[in-house]
Amino acid sequence: AHAGLVERSPAGPEIGPGVVGKRDAADGDPLFRYVPLIPDVFQWHVDE
């Protein structure tokens, strides 16, 4: 909706439990600043 690009993921599907890593900018974010550095998440997508 804001001119970003979504495509079939060249890295292939991402399925199941995983972790993501916070970037430095998250420290100044009102929601993400309190999220742990490497939080657990669920993944289920073929596009990115």
PDB file of all heavy atoms in Angstrom:
ATOM      1  N   ALA A   1       0.818  -1.213   0.000  1.00  0.00           N
ATOM      2  CA  ALA A   1       0.000   0.000   0.000  1.00  0.00           C
ATOM      3  C   ALA A   1       0.851   1.261   0.000  1.00  0.00           C
ATOM      4  O   ALA A   1       0.362   2.338  -0.354  1.00  0.00           O
ATOM      5  CB  ALA A   1      -0.915   0.002   1.229  1.00  0.00           C
ATOM      6  N   HIS A   2       2.128   1.113   0.366  1.00  0.00           N
ATOM      7  CA  HIS A   2       3.029   2.263   0.443  1.00  0.00           C
ATOM      8  C   HIS A   2       4.244   2.077  -0.465  1.00  0.00           C
ATOM      9  O   HIS A   2       5.352   2.508  -0.154  1.00  0.00           O
ATOM     10  CB  HIS A   2       3.449   2.492   1.890  1.00  0.00           C
ATOM     11  CG  HIS A   2       2.304   2.897   2.769  1.00  0.00           C
ATOM     12  ND1 HIS A   2       1.482   1.972   3.385  1.00  0.00           N
ATOM     13  CD2 HIS A   2       1.815   4.127   3.095  1.00  0.00           C
ATOM     14  CE1 HIS A   2       0.549   2.623   4.073  1.00  0.00           C
ATOM     15  NE2 HIS A   2       0.727   3.920   3.912  1.00  0.00           N
ATOM     16  N   ALA A   3       4.019   1.423  -1.606  1.00  0.00           N
ATOM     17  CA  ALA A   3       5.025   1.267  -2.665  1.00  0.00           C
ATOM     18  C   ALA A   3       6.175   0.358  -2.289  1.00  0.00           C
ATOM     19  O   ALA A   3       7.248   0.434  -2.894  1.00  0.00           O
ATOM     20  CB  ALA A   3       5.560   2.638  -3.111  1.00  0.00           C
ATOM     21  N   GLY A   4       5.971  -0.522  -1.317  1.00  0.00           N
ATOM     22  CA  GLY A   4       6.934  -1.597  -1.076  1.00  0.00           C
ATOM     23  C   GLY A   4       6.715  -2.711  -2.080  1.00  0.00           C
ATOM     24  O   GLY A   4       5.767  -2.685  -2.874  1.00  0.00           O
ATOM     25  N   LEU A   5       7.582  -3.706  -2.036  1.00  0.00           N
ATOM     26  CA  LEU A   5       7.514  -4.799  -3.011  1.00  0.00           C
ATOM     27  C   LEU A   5       7.403  -6.138  -2.288  1.00  0.00           C
ATOM     28  O   LEU A   5       8.203  -6.443  -1.399  1.00  0.00           O
ATOM     29  CB  LEU A   5       8.769  -4.795  -3.894  1.00  0.00           C
ATOM     30  CG  LEU A   5       8.823  -5.843  -5.009  1.00  0.00           C
ATOM     31  CD1 LEU A   5       7.685  -5.637  -6.003  1.00  0.00           C
ATOM     32  CD2 LEU A   5      10.176  -5.790  -5.721  1.00  0.00           C
ATOM     33  N   VAL A   6       6.414  -6.928  -2.680  1.00  0.00           N
ATOM     34  CA  VAL A   6       6.216  -8.280  -2.166  1.00  0.00           C
ATOM     35  C   VAL A   6       6.304  -9.238  -3.334  1.00  0.00           C
ATOM     36  O   VAL A   6       5.708  -9.015  -4.383  1.00  0.00           O
ATOM     37  CB  VAL A   6       4.855  -8.420  -1.456  1.00  0.00           C
ATOM     38  CG1 VAL A   6       4.606  -9.865  -1.033  1.00  0.00           C
ATOM     39  CG2 VAL A   6       4.792  -7.497  -0.247  1.00  0.00           C
ATOM     40  N   GLU A   7       7.065 -10.321  -3.155  1.00  0.00           N
ATOM     41  CA  GLU A   7       7.283 -11.298  -4.220  1.00  0.00           C
ATOM     42  C   GLU A   7       7.310 -12.704  -3.626  1.00  0.00           C
ATOM     43  O   GLU A   7       7.420 -12.876  -2.410  1.00  0.00           O
ATOM     44  CB  GLU A   7       8.617 -11.037  -4.919  1.00  0.00           C
ATOM     45  CG  GLU A   7       8.748  -9.674  -5.562  1.00  0.00           C
ATOM     46  CD  GLU A   7      10.135  -9.461  -6.135  1.00  0.00           C
ATOM     47  OE1 GLU A   7      11.081  -9.299  -5.331  1.00  0.00           O
ATOM     48  OE2 GLU A   7      10.270  -9.466  -7.360  1.00  0.00           O
ATOM     49  N   ARG A   8       7.234 -13.689  -4.514  1.00  0.00           N
ATOM     50  CA  ARG A   8       7.489 -15.051  -4.082  1.00  0.00           C
ATOM     51  C   ARG A   8       8.903 -15.092  -3.510  1.00  0.00           C
ATOM     52  O   ARG A   8       9.849 -14.615  -4.128  1.00  0.00           O
ATOM     53  CB  ARG A   8       7.391 -16.004  -5.283  1.00  0.00           C
ATOM     54  CG  ARG A   8       7.472 -17.472  -4.919  1.00  0.00           C
ATOM     55  CD  ARG A   8       6.136 -17.972  -4.429  1.00  0.00           C
ATOM     56  NE  ARG A   8       6.123 -19.422  -4.279  1.00  0.00           N
ATOM     57  CZ  ARG A   8       5.033 -20.127  -4.042  1.00  0.00           C
ATOM     58  NH1 ARG A   8       3.868 -19.515  -3.919  1.00  0.00           N
ATOM     59  NH2 ARG A   8       5.083 -21.434  -3.923  1.00  0.00           N
ATOM     60  N   SER A   9       9.043 -15.629  -2.321  1.00  0.00           N
ATOM     61  CA  SER A   9      10.326 -15.538  -1.638  1.00  0.00           C
ATOM     62  C   SER A   9      11.410 -16.318  -2.361  1.00  0.00           C
ATOM     63  O   SER A   9      11.282 -17.526  -2.583  1.00  0.00           O
ATOM     64  CB  SER A   9      10.205 -16.072  -0.211  1.00  0.00           C
ATOM     65  OG  SER A   9      11.466 -16.090   0.405  1.00  0.00           O
ATOM     66  N   PRO A  10      12.504 -15.666  -2.734  1.00  0.00           N
ATOM     67  CA  PRO A  10      13.619 -16.388  -3.352  1.00  0.00           C
ATOM     68  C   PRO A  10      14.305 -17.342  -2.383  1.00  0.00           C
ATOM     69  O   PRO A  10      15.003 -18.261  -2.810  1.00  0.00           O
ATOM     70  CB  PRO A  10      14.568 -15.274  -3.796  1.00  0.00           C
ATOM     71  CG  PRO A  10      14.235 -14.111  -2.930  1.00  0.00           C
ATOM     72  CD  PRO A  10      12.772 -14.213  -2.654  1.00  0.00           C
ATOM     73  N   ALA A  11      14.080 -17.148  -1.083  1.00  0.00           N
ATOM     74  CA  ALA A  11      14.681 -18.028  -0.080  1.00  0.00           C
ATOM     75  C   ALA A  11      13.825 -19.257   0.190  1.00  0.00           C
ATOM     76  O   ALA A  11      14.226 -20.129   0.966  1.00  0.00           O
ATOM     77  CB  ALA A  11      14.903 -17.266   1.223  1.00  0.00           C
ATOM     78  N   GLY A  12      12.662 -19.352  -0.446  1.00  0.00           N
ATOM     79  CA  GLY A  12      11.789 -20.489  -0.236  1.00  0.00           C
ATOM     80  C   GLY A  12      10.850 -20.280   0.929  1.00  0.00           C
ATOM     81  O   GLY A  12      10.927 -19.277   1.642  1.00  0.00           O
ATOM     82  N   PRO A  13       9.929 -21.226   1.167  1.00  0.00           N
ATOM     83  CA  PRO A  13       8.954 -21.079   2.246  1.00  0.00           C
ATOM     84  C   PRO A  13       9.629 -21.048   3.619  1.00  0.00           C
ATOM     85  O   PRO A  13      10.703 -21.625   3.818  1.00  0.00           O
ATOM     86  CB  PRO A  13       8.079 -22.337   2.111  1.00  0.00           C
ATOM     87  CG  PRO A  13       8.309 -22.814   0.712  1.00  0.00           C
ATOM     88  CD  PRO A  13       9.722 -22.459   0.387  1.00  0.00           C
ATOM     89  N   GLU A  14       8.955 -20.366   4.549  1.00  0.00           N
ATOM     90  CA  GLU A  14       9.398 -20.342   5.948  1.00  0.00           C
ATOM     91  C   GLU A  14       8.228 -20.856   6.784  1.00  0.00           C
ATOM     92  O   GLU A  14       7.187 -20.228   6.850  1.00  0.00           O
ATOM     93  CB  GLU A  14       9.799 -18.931   6.353  1.00  0.00           C
ATOM     94  CG  GLU A  14      10.460 -18.861   7.722  1.00  0.00           C
ATOM     95  CD  GLU A  14      10.979 -17.470   8.048  1.00  0.00           C
ATOM     96  OE1 GLU A  14      10.433 -16.468   7.536  1.00  0.00           O
ATOM     97  OE2 GLU A  14      11.926 -17.384   8.844  1.00  0.00           O
ATOM     98  N   ILE A  15       8.423 -22.010   7.402  1.00  0.00           N
ATOM     99  CA  ILE A  15       7.334 -22.722   8.066  1.00  0.00           C
ATOM    100  C   ILE A  15       7.769 -23.140   9.465  1.00  0.00           C
ATOM    101  O   ILE A  15       8.853 -23.691   9.647  1.00  0.00           O
ATOM    102  CB  ILE A  15       6.931 -23.990   7.280  1.00  0.00           C
ATOM    103  CG1 ILE A  15       6.491 -23.642   5.855  1.00  0.00           C
ATOM    104  CG2 ILE A  15       5.848 -24.770   8.014  1.00  0.00           C
ATOM    105  CD1 ILE A  15       5.198 -22.889   5.761  1.00  0.00           C
ATOM    106  N   GLY A  16       6.903 -22.893  10.458  1.00  0.00           N
ATOM    107  CA  GLY A  16       7.127 -23.408  11.799  1.00  0.00           C
ATOM    108  C   GLY A  16       7.693 -22.372  12.755  1.00  0.00           C
ATOM    109  O   GLY A  16       7.757 -21.186  12.462  1.00  0.00           O
ATOM    110  N   PRO A  17       8.118 -22.833  13.939  1.00  0.00           N
ATOM    111  CA  PRO A  17       8.652 -21.898  14.929  1.00  0.00           C
ATOM    112  C   PRO A  17      10.007 -21.364  14.495  1.00  0.00           C
ATOM    113  O   PRO A  17      10.751 -22.019  13.761  1.00  0.00           O
ATOM    114  CB  PRO A  17       8.783 -22.758  16.190  1.00  0.00           C
ATOM    115  CG  PRO A  17       8.970 -24.148  15.670  1.00  0.00           C
ATOM    116  CD  PRO A  17       8.152 -24.223  14.416  1.00  0.00           C
ATOM    117  N   GLY A  18      10.318 -20.159  14.929  1.00  0.00           N
ATOM    118  CA  GLY A  18      11.600 -19.553  14.596  1.00  0.00           C
ATOM    119  C   GLY A  18      11.882 -18.392  15.520  1.00  0.00           C
ATOM    120  O   GLY A  18      11.132 -18.120  16.465  1.00  0.00           O
ATOM    121  N   VAL A  19      12.968 -17.711  15.239  1.00  0.00           N
ATOM    122  CA  VAL A  19      13.309 -16.500  15.987  1.00  0.00           C
ATOM    123  C   VAL A  19      13.651 -15.410  14.988  1.00  0.00           C
ATOM    124  O   VAL A  19      14.005 -15.681  13.845  1.00  0.00           O
ATOM    125  CB  VAL A  19      14.503 -16.721  16.949  1.00  0.00           C
ATOM    126  CG1 VAL A  19      14.146 -17.709  18.042  1.00  0.00           C
ATOM    127  CG2 VAL A  19      15.746 -17.172  16.187  1.00  0.00           C
ATOM    128  N   VAL A  20      13.515 -14.165  15.430  1.00  0.00           N
ATOM    129  CA  VAL A  20      13.950 -13.014  14.648  1.00  0.00           C
ATOM    130  C   VAL A  20      14.856 -12.179  15.539  1.00  0.00           C
ATOM    131  O   VAL A  20      14.845 -12.316  16.766  1.00  0.00           O
ATOM    132  CB  VAL A  20      12.761 -12.172  14.140  1.00  0.00           C
ATOM    133  CG1 VAL A  20      11.886 -12.998  13.207  1.00  0.00           C
ATOM    134  CG2 VAL A  20      11.930 -11.618  15.292  1.00  0.00           C
ATOM    135  N   GLY A  21      15.649 -11.319  14.928  1.00  0.00           N
ATOM    136  CA  GLY A  21      16.565 -10.480  15.679  1.00  0.00           C
ATOM    137  C   GLY A  21      16.181  -9.012  15.573  1.00  0.00           C
ATOM    138  O   GLY A  21      15.955  -8.498  14.481  1.00  0.00           O
ATOM    139  N   LYS A  22      16.099  -8.347  16.720  1.00  0.00           N
ATOM    140  CA  LYS A  22      15.787  -6.917  16.718  1.00  0.00           C
ATOM    141  C   LYS A  22      16.925  -6.124  16.098  1.00  0.00           C
ATOM    142  O   LYS A  22      18.097  -6.436  16.273  1.00  0.00           O
ATOM    143  CB  LYS A  22      15.567  -6.426  18.155  1.00  0.00           C
ATOM    144  CG  LYS A  22      14.208  -6.750  18.719  1.00  0.00           C
ATOM    145  CD  LYS A  22      14.110  -6.403  20.198  1.00  0.00           C
ATOM    146  CE  LYS A  22      14.460  -4.967  20.503  1.00  0.00           C
ATOM    147  NZ  LYS A  22      14.279  -4.635  21.945  1.00  0.00           N
ATOM    148  N   ARG A  23      16.567  -5.078  15.386  1.00  0.00           N
ATOM    149  CA  ARG A  23      17.529  -4.119  14.879  1.00  0.00           C
ATOM    150  C   ARG A  23      17.678  -2.962  15.868  1.00  0.00           C
ATOM    151  O   ARG A  23      16.851  -2.765  16.751  1.00  0.00           O
ATOM    152  CB  ARG A  23      17.084  -3.589  13.509  1.00  0.00           C
ATOM    153  CG  ARG A  23      16.931  -4.666  12.444  1.00  0.00           C
ATOM    154  CD  ARG A  23      18.262  -5.344  12.126  1.00  0.00           C
ATOM    155  NE  ARG A  23      19.214  -4.394  11.590  1.00  0.00           N
ATOM    156  CZ  ARG A  23      19.423  -4.204  10.281  1.00  0.00           C
ATOM    157  NH1 ARG A  23      18.761  -4.924   9.386  1.00  0.00           N
ATOM    158  NH2 ARG A  23      20.321  -3.323   9.867  1.00  0.00           N
ATOM    159  N   ASP A  24      18.753  -2.171  15.696  1.00  0.00           N
ATOM    160  CA  ASP A  24      19.026  -1.082  16.630  1.00  0.00           C
ATOM    161  C   ASP A  24      17.855  -0.098  16.733  1.00  0.00           C
ATOM    162  O   ASP A  24      17.576   0.438  17.803  1.00  0.00           O
ATOM    163  CB  ASP A  24      20.290  -0.329  16.212  1.00  0.00           C
ATOM    164  CG  ASP A  24      21.559  -1.139  16.426  1.00  0.00           C
ATOM    165  OD1 ASP A  24      21.479  -2.166  17.136  1.00  0.00           O
ATOM    166  OD2 ASP A  24      22.611  -0.756  15.890  1.00  0.00           O
ATOM    167  N   ALA A  25      17.170   0.136  15.608  1.00  0.00           N
ATOM    168  CA  ALA A  25      16.071   1.100  15.607  1.00  0.00           C
ATOM    169  C   ALA A  25      14.940   0.689  16.545  1.00  0.00           C
ATOM    170  O   ALA A  25      14.150   1.538  16.974  1.00  0.00           O
ATOM    171  CB  ALA A  25      15.535   1.280  14.192  1.00  0.00           C
ATOM    172  N   ALA A  26      14.858  -0.597  16.874  1.00  0.00           N
ATOM    173  CA  ALA A  26      13.795  -1.068  17.760  1.00  0.00           C
ATOM    174  C   ALA A  26      13.908  -0.482  19.156  1.00  0.00           C
ATOM    175  O   ALA A  26      12.909  -0.392  19.884  1.00  0.00           O
ATOM    176  CB  ALA A  26      13.800  -2.590  17.823  1.00  0.00           C
ATOM    177  N   ASP A  27      15.096  -0.077  19.549  1.00  0.00           N
ATOM    178  CA  ASP A  27      15.271   0.484  20.897  1.00  0.00           C
ATOM    179  C   ASP A  27      14.515   1.784  21.089  1.00  0.00           C
ATOM    180  O   ASP A  27      14.207   2.160  22.218  1.00  0.00           O
ATOM    181  CB  ASP A  27      16.761   0.712  21.175  1.00  0.00           C
ATOM    182  CG  ASP A  27      17.530  -0.588  21.321  1.00  0.00           C
ATOM    183  OD1 ASP A  27      16.883  -1.615  21.599  1.00  0.00           O
ATOM    184  OD2 ASP A  27      18.761  -0.574  21.149  1.00  0.00           O
ATOM    185  N   GLY A  28      14.221   2.497  20.010  1.00  0.00           N
ATOM    186  CA  GLY A  28      13.452   3.726  20.107  1.00  0.00           C
ATOM    187  C   GLY A  28      12.001   3.567  19.722  1.00  0.00           C
ATOM    188  O   GLY A  28      11.295   4.560  19.561  1.00  0.00           O
ATOM    189  N   ASP A  29      11.543   2.331  19.571  1.00  0.00           N
ATOM    190  CA  ASP A  29      10.174   2.083  19.130  1.00  0.00           C
ATOM    191  C   ASP A  29       9.255   1.883  20.335  1.00  0.00           C
ATOM    192  O   ASP A  29       9.609   1.161  21.274  1.00  0.00           O
ATOM    193  CB  ASP A  29      10.132   0.833  18.240  1.00  0.00           C
ATOM    194  CG  ASP A  29       8.767   0.591  17.649  1.00  0.00           C
ATOM    195  OD1 ASP A  29       8.467   1.198  16.616  1.00  0.00           O
ATOM    196  OD2 ASP A  29       8.002  -0.198  18.235  1.00  0.00           O
ATOM    197  N   PRO A  30       8.071   2.492  20.334  1.00  0.00           N
ATOM    198  CA  PRO A  30       7.192   2.382  21.504  1.00  0.00           C
ATOM    199  C   PRO A  30       6.690   0.979  21.802  1.00  0.00           C
ATOM    200  O   PRO A  30       6.323   0.695  22.942  1.00  0.00           O
ATOM    201  CB  PRO A  30       6.031   3.324  21.173  1.00  0.00           C
ATOM    202  CG  PRO A  30       6.087   3.528  19.702  1.00  0.00           C
ATOM    203  CD  PRO A  30       7.524   3.399  19.318  1.00  0.00           C
ATOM    204  N   LEU A  31       6.657   0.097  20.823  1.00  0.00           N
ATOM    205  CA  LEU A  31       6.234  -1.277  21.055  1.00  0.00           C
ATOM    206  C   LEU A  31       7.409  -2.244  21.123  1.00  0.00           C
ATOM    207  O   LEU A  31       7.463  -3.121  21.988  1.00  0.00           O
ATOM    208  CB  LEU A  31       5.260  -1.736  19.966  1.00  0.00           C
ATOM    209  CG  LEU A  31       3.982  -0.927  19.766  1.00  0.00           C
ATOM    210  CD1 LEU A  31       3.057  -1.643  18.790  1.00  0.00           C
ATOM    211  CD2 LEU A  31       3.276  -0.663  21.082  1.00  0.00           C
ATOM    212  N   PHE A  32       8.368  -2.104  20.226  1.00  0.00           N
ATOM    213  CA  PHE A  32       9.450  -3.082  20.118  1.00  0.00           C
ATOM    214  C   PHE A  32      10.569  -2.879  21.143  1.00  0.00           C
ATOM    215  O   PHE A  32      11.372  -3.770  21.347  1.00  0.00           O
ATOM    216  CB  PHE A  32      10.054  -3.053  18.710  1.00  0.00           C
ATOM    217  CG  PHE A  32       9.455  -4.086  17.798  1.00  0.00           C
ATOM    218  CD1 PHE A  32       8.279  -3.808  17.118  1.00  0.00           C
ATOM    219  CD2 PHE A  32      10.038  -5.329  17.635  1.00  0.00           C
ATOM    220  CE1 PHE A  32       7.711  -4.752  16.277  1.00  0.00           C
ATOM    221  CE2 PHE A  32       9.478  -6.274  16.804  1.00  0.00           C
ATOM    222  CZ  PHE A  32       8.311  -5.997  16.121  1.00  0.00           C
ATOM    223  N   ARG A  33      10.611  -1.730  21.800  1.00  0.00           N
ATOM    224  CA  ARG A  33      11.726  -1.490  22.718  1.00  0.00           C
ATOM    225  C   ARG A  33      11.731  -2.499  23.875  1.00  0.00           C
ATOM    226  O   ARG A  33      12.777  -2.770  24.461  1.00  0.00           O
ATOM    227  CB  ARG A  33      11.682  -0.066  23.258  1.00  0.00           C
ATOM    228  CG  ARG A  33      10.529   0.234  24.178  1.00  0.00           C
ATOM    229  CD  ARG A  33      10.566   1.660  24.719  1.00  0.00           C
ATOM    230  NE  ARG A  33      10.431   2.641  23.665  1.00  0.00           N
ATOM    231  CZ  ARG A  33      10.137   3.922  23.882  1.00  0.00           C
ATOM    232  NH1 ARG A  33       9.951   4.347  25.119  1.00  0.00           N
ATOM    233  NH2 ARG A  33      10.010   4.765  22.888  1.00  0.00           N
ATOM    234  N   TYR A  34      10.566  -3.059  24.203  1.00  0.00           N
ATOM    235  CA  TYR A  34      10.481  -4.011  25.310  1.00  0.00           C
ATOM    236  C   TYR A  34      10.489  -5.472  24.845  1.00  0.00           C
ATOM    237  O   TYR A  34      10.389  -6.374  25.670  1.00  0.00           O
ATOM    238  CB  TYR A  34       9.232  -3.729  26.139  1.00  0.00           C
ATOM    239  CG  TYR A  34       9.260  -2.352  26.755  1.00  0.00           C
ATOM    240  CD1 TYR A  34       8.460  -1.330  26.251  1.00  0.00           C
ATOM    241  CD2 TYR A  34      10.110  -2.059  27.819  1.00  0.00           C
ATOM    242  CE1 TYR A  34       8.490  -0.062  26.805  1.00  0.00           C
ATOM    243  CE2 TYR A  34      10.152  -0.789  28.375  1.00  0.00           C
ATOM    244  CZ  TYR A  34       9.344   0.204  27.869  1.00  0.00           C
ATOM    245  OH  TYR A  34       9.384   1.473  28.411  1.00  0.00           O
ATOM    246  N   VAL A  35      10.581  -5.696  23.559  1.00  0.00           N
ATOM    247  CA  VAL A  35      10.684  -7.057  23.014  1.00  0.00           C
ATOM    248  C   VAL A  35      12.118  -7.545  23.217  1.00  0.00           C
ATOM    249  O   VAL A  35      13.066  -6.787  23.020  1.00  0.00           O
ATOM    250  CB  VAL A  35      10.308  -7.058  21.514  1.00  0.00           C
ATOM    251  CG1 VAL A  35      10.627  -8.395  20.861  1.00  0.00           C
ATOM    252  CG2 VAL A  35       8.826  -6.716  21.345  1.00  0.00           C
ATOM    253  N   PRO A  36      12.317  -8.807  23.609  1.00  0.00           N
ATOM    254  CA  PRO A  36      13.682  -9.329  23.777  1.00  0.00           C
ATOM    255  C   PRO A  36      14.488  -9.242  22.491  1.00  0.00           C
ATOM    256  O   PRO A  36      13.934  -9.086  21.396  1.00  0.00           O
ATOM    257  CB  PRO A  36      13.462 -10.781  24.193  1.00  0.00           C
ATOM    258  CG  PRO A  36      12.078 -10.837  24.712  1.00  0.00           C
ATOM    259  CD  PRO A  36      11.305  -9.805  23.964  1.00  0.00           C
ATOM    260  N   LEU A  37      15.787  -9.375  22.617  1.00  0.00           N
ATOM    261  CA  LEU A  37      16.672  -9.231  21.470  1.00  0.00           C
ATOM    262  C   LEU A  37      16.381 -10.253  20.377  1.00  0.00           C
ATOM    263  O   LEU A  37      16.409  -9.942  19.187  1.00  0.00           O
ATOM    264  CB  LEU A  37      18.134  -9.352  21.923  1.00  0.00           C
ATOM    265  CG  LEU A  37      19.199  -9.102  20.851  1.00  0.00           C
ATOM    266  CD1 LEU A  37      19.093  -7.688  20.307  1.00  0.00           C
ATOM    267  CD2 LEU A  37      20.588  -9.359  21.422  1.00  0.00           C
ATOM    268  N   ILE A  38      16.080 -11.489  20.771  1.00  0.00           N
ATOM    269  CA  ILE A  38      15.819 -12.557  19.793  1.00  0.00           C
ATOM    270  C   ILE A  38      14.535 -13.280  20.207  1.00  0.00           C
ATOM    271  O   ILE A  38      14.573 -14.334  20.838  1.00  0.00           O
ATOM    272  CB  ILE A  38      17.001 -13.547  19.702  1.00  0.00           C
ATOM    273  CG1 ILE A  38      18.303 -12.794  19.413  1.00  0.00           C
ATOM    274  CG2 ILE A  38      16.757 -14.587  18.610  1.00  0.00           C
ATOM    275  CD1 ILE A  38      19.528 -13.691  19.380  1.00  0.00           C
ATOM    276  N   PRO A  39      13.379 -12.734  19.876  1.00  0.00           N
ATOM    277  CA  PRO A  39      12.113 -13.323  20.320  1.00  0.00           C
ATOM    278  C   PRO A  39      11.677 -14.515  19.471  1.00  0.00           C
ATOM    279  O   PRO A  39      11.992 -14.610  18.284  1.00  0.00           O
ATOM    280  CB  PRO A  39      11.124 -12.168  20.165  1.00  0.00           C
ATOM    281  CG  PRO A  39      11.678 -11.377  19.018  1.00  0.00           C
ATOM    282  CD  PRO A  39      13.173 -11.460  19.160  1.00  0.00           C
ATOM    283  N   ASP A  40      10.919 -15.407  20.106  1.00  0.00           N
ATOM    284  CA  ASP A  40      10.300 -16.528  19.394  1.00  0.00           C
ATOM    285  C   ASP A  40       9.077 -16.045  18.628  1.00  0.00           C
ATOM    286  O   ASP A  40       8.317 -15.187  19.097  1.00  0.00           O
ATOM    287  CB  ASP A  40       9.860 -17.602  20.397  1.00  0.00           C
ATOM    288  CG  ASP A  40      11.029 -18.346  20.999  1.00  0.00           C
ATOM    289  OD1 ASP A  40      11.620 -19.170  20.300  1.00  0.00           O
ATOM    290  OD2 ASP A  40      11.346 -18.088  22.189  1.00  0.00           O
ATOM    291  N   VAL A  41       8.870 -16.625  17.448  1.00  0.00           N
ATOM    292  CA  VAL A  41       7.715 -16.304  16.607  1.00  0.00           C
ATOM    293  C   VAL A  41       7.286 -17.561  15.864  1.00  0.00           C
ATOM    294  O   VAL A  41       7.984 -18.584  15.889  1.00  0.00           O
ATOM    295  CB  VAL A  41       8.049 -15.194  15.583  1.00  0.00           C
ATOM    296  CG1 VAL A  41       8.462 -13.896  16.277  1.00  0.00           C
ATOM    297  CG2 VAL A  41       9.144 -15.641  14.618  1.00  0.00           C
ATOM    298  N   PHE A  42       6.155 -17.486  15.194  1.00  0.00           N
ATOM    299  CA  PHE A  42       5.711 -18.538  14.274  1.00  0.00           C
ATOM    300  C   PHE A  42       5.813 -18.001  12.848  1.00  0.00           C
ATOM    301  O   PHE A  42       5.435 -16.858  12.576  1.00  0.00           O
ATOM    302  CB  PHE A  42       4.266 -18.949  14.557  1.00  0.00           C
ATOM    303  CG  PHE A  42       4.043 -19.472  15.948  1.00  0.00           C
ATOM    304  CD1 PHE A  42       3.202 -18.811  16.825  1.00  0.00           C
ATOM    305  CD2 PHE A  42       4.671 -20.625  16.380  1.00  0.00           C
ATOM    306  CE1 PHE A  42       2.988 -19.277  18.105  1.00  0.00           C
ATOM    307  CE2 PHE A  42       4.475 -21.109  17.667  1.00  0.00           C
ATOM    308  CZ  PHE A  42       3.634 -20.433  18.528  1.00  0.00           C
ATOM    309  N   GLN A  43       6.278 -18.831  11.937  1.00  0.00           N
ATOM    310  CA  GLN A  43       6.396 -18.449  10.534  1.00  0.00           C
ATOM    311  C   GLN A  43       5.526 -19.367   9.679  1.00  0.00           C
ATOM    312  O   GLN A  43       5.435 -20.572   9.938  1.00  0.00           O
ATOM    313  CB  GLN A  43       7.853 -18.557  10.068  1.00  0.00           C
ATOM    314  CG  GLN A  43       8.840 -17.698  10.833  1.00  0.00           C
ATOM    315  CD  GLN A  43       8.779 -16.228  10.418  1.00  0.00           C
ATOM    316  OE1 GLN A  43       7.905 -15.810   9.661  1.00  0.00           O
ATOM    317  NE2 GLN A  43       9.714 -15.433  10.930  1.00  0.00           N
ATOM    318  N   TRP A  44       4.898 -18.765   8.668  1.00  0.00           N
ATOM    319  CA  TRP A  44       4.107 -19.579   7.727  1.00  0.00           C
ATOM    320  C   TRP A  44       3.853 -18.748   6.473  1.00  0.00           C
ATOM    321  O   TRP A  44       2.795 -18.168   6.289  1.00  0.00           O
ATOM    322  CB  TRP A  44       2.782 -20.010   8.349  1.00  0.00           C
ATOM    323  CG  TRP A  44       2.320 -21.354   7.831  1.00  0.00           C
ATOM    324  CD1 TRP A  44       1.730 -21.614   6.631  1.00  0.00           C
ATOM    325  CD2 TRP A  44       2.439 -22.603   8.517  1.00  0.00           C
ATOM    326  NE1 TRP A  44       1.470 -22.949   6.509  1.00  0.00           N
ATOM    327  CE2 TRP A  44       1.897 -23.592   7.659  1.00  0.00           C
ATOM    328  CE3 TRP A  44       2.947 -22.990   9.747  1.00  0.00           C
ATOM    329  CZ2 TRP A  44       1.840 -24.932   8.016  1.00  0.00           C
ATOM    330  CZ3 TRP A  44       2.893 -24.322  10.096  1.00  0.00           C
ATOM    331  CH2 TRP A  44       2.344 -25.282   9.245  1.00  0.00           C
ATOM    332  N   HIS A  45       4.850 -18.662   5.604  1.00  0.00           N
ATOM    333  CA  HIS A  45       4.678 -17.842   4.405  1.00  0.00           C
ATOM    334  C   HIS A  45       5.574 -18.345   3.275  1.00  0.00           C
ATOM    335  O   HIS A  45       6.644 -18.907   3.509  1.00  0.00           O
ATOM    336  CB  HIS A  45       4.981 -16.369   4.693  1.00  0.00           C
ATOM    337  CG  HIS A  45       6.382 -16.102   5.146  1.00  0.00           C
ATOM    338  ND1 HIS A  45       7.347 -15.591   4.308  1.00  0.00           N
ATOM    339  CD2 HIS A  45       6.986 -16.267   6.345  1.00  0.00           C
ATOM    340  CE1 HIS A  45       8.489 -15.456   4.980  1.00  0.00           C
ATOM    341  NE2 HIS A  45       8.297 -15.858   6.216  1.00  0.00           N
ATOM    342  N   VAL A  46       5.108 -18.114   2.045  1.00  0.00           N
ATOM    343  CA  VAL A  46       5.898 -18.426   0.860  1.00  0.00           C
ATOM    344  C   VAL A  46       6.305 -17.149   0.130  1.00  0.00           C
ATOM    345  O   VAL A  46       7.193 -17.172  -0.713  1.00  0.00           O
ATOM    346  CB  VAL A  46       5.125 -19.358  -0.109  1.00  0.00           C
ATOM    347  CG1 VAL A  46       4.843 -20.695   0.542  1.00  0.00           C
ATOM    348  CG2 VAL A  46       3.838 -18.704  -0.589  1.00  0.00           C
ATOM    349  N   ASP A  47       5.638 -16.035   0.445  1.00  0.00           N
ATOM    350  CA  ASP A  47       5.990 -14.728  -0.108  1.00  0.00           C
ATOM    351  C   ASP A  47       6.744 -13.934   0.944  1.00  0.00           C
ATOM    352  O   ASP A  47       6.673 -14.238   2.140  1.00  0.00           O
ATOM    353  CB  ASP A  47       4.740 -13.952  -0.532  1.00  0.00           C
ATOM    354  CG  ASP A  47       3.984 -14.629  -1.656  1.00  0.00           C
ATOM    355  OD1 ASP A  47       4.626 -15.325  -2.458  1.00  0.00           O
ATOM    356  OD2 ASP A  47       2.750 -14.464  -1.712  1.00  0.00           O
ATOM    357  N   GLU A  48       7.441 -12.891   0.508  1.00  0.00           N
ATOM    358  CA  GLU A  48       8.109 -12.017   1.462  1.00  0.00           C
ATOM    359  C   GLU A  48       8.166 -10.593   0.927  1.00  0.00           C
ATOM    360  O   GLU A  48       7.998 -10.341  -0.267  1.00  0.00           O
ATOM    361  CB  GLU A  48       9.516 -12.515   1.782  1.00  0.00           C
ATOM    362  CG  GLU A  48      10.508 -12.391   0.640  1.00  0.00           C
ATOM    363  CD  GLU A  48      11.948 -12.617   1.091  1.00  0.00           C
ATOM    364  OE1 GLU A  48      12.394 -11.906   2.017  1.00  0.00           O
ATOM    365  OE2 GLU A  48      12.603 -13.493   0.509  1.00  0.00           O
TER     366      GLU A  48
END
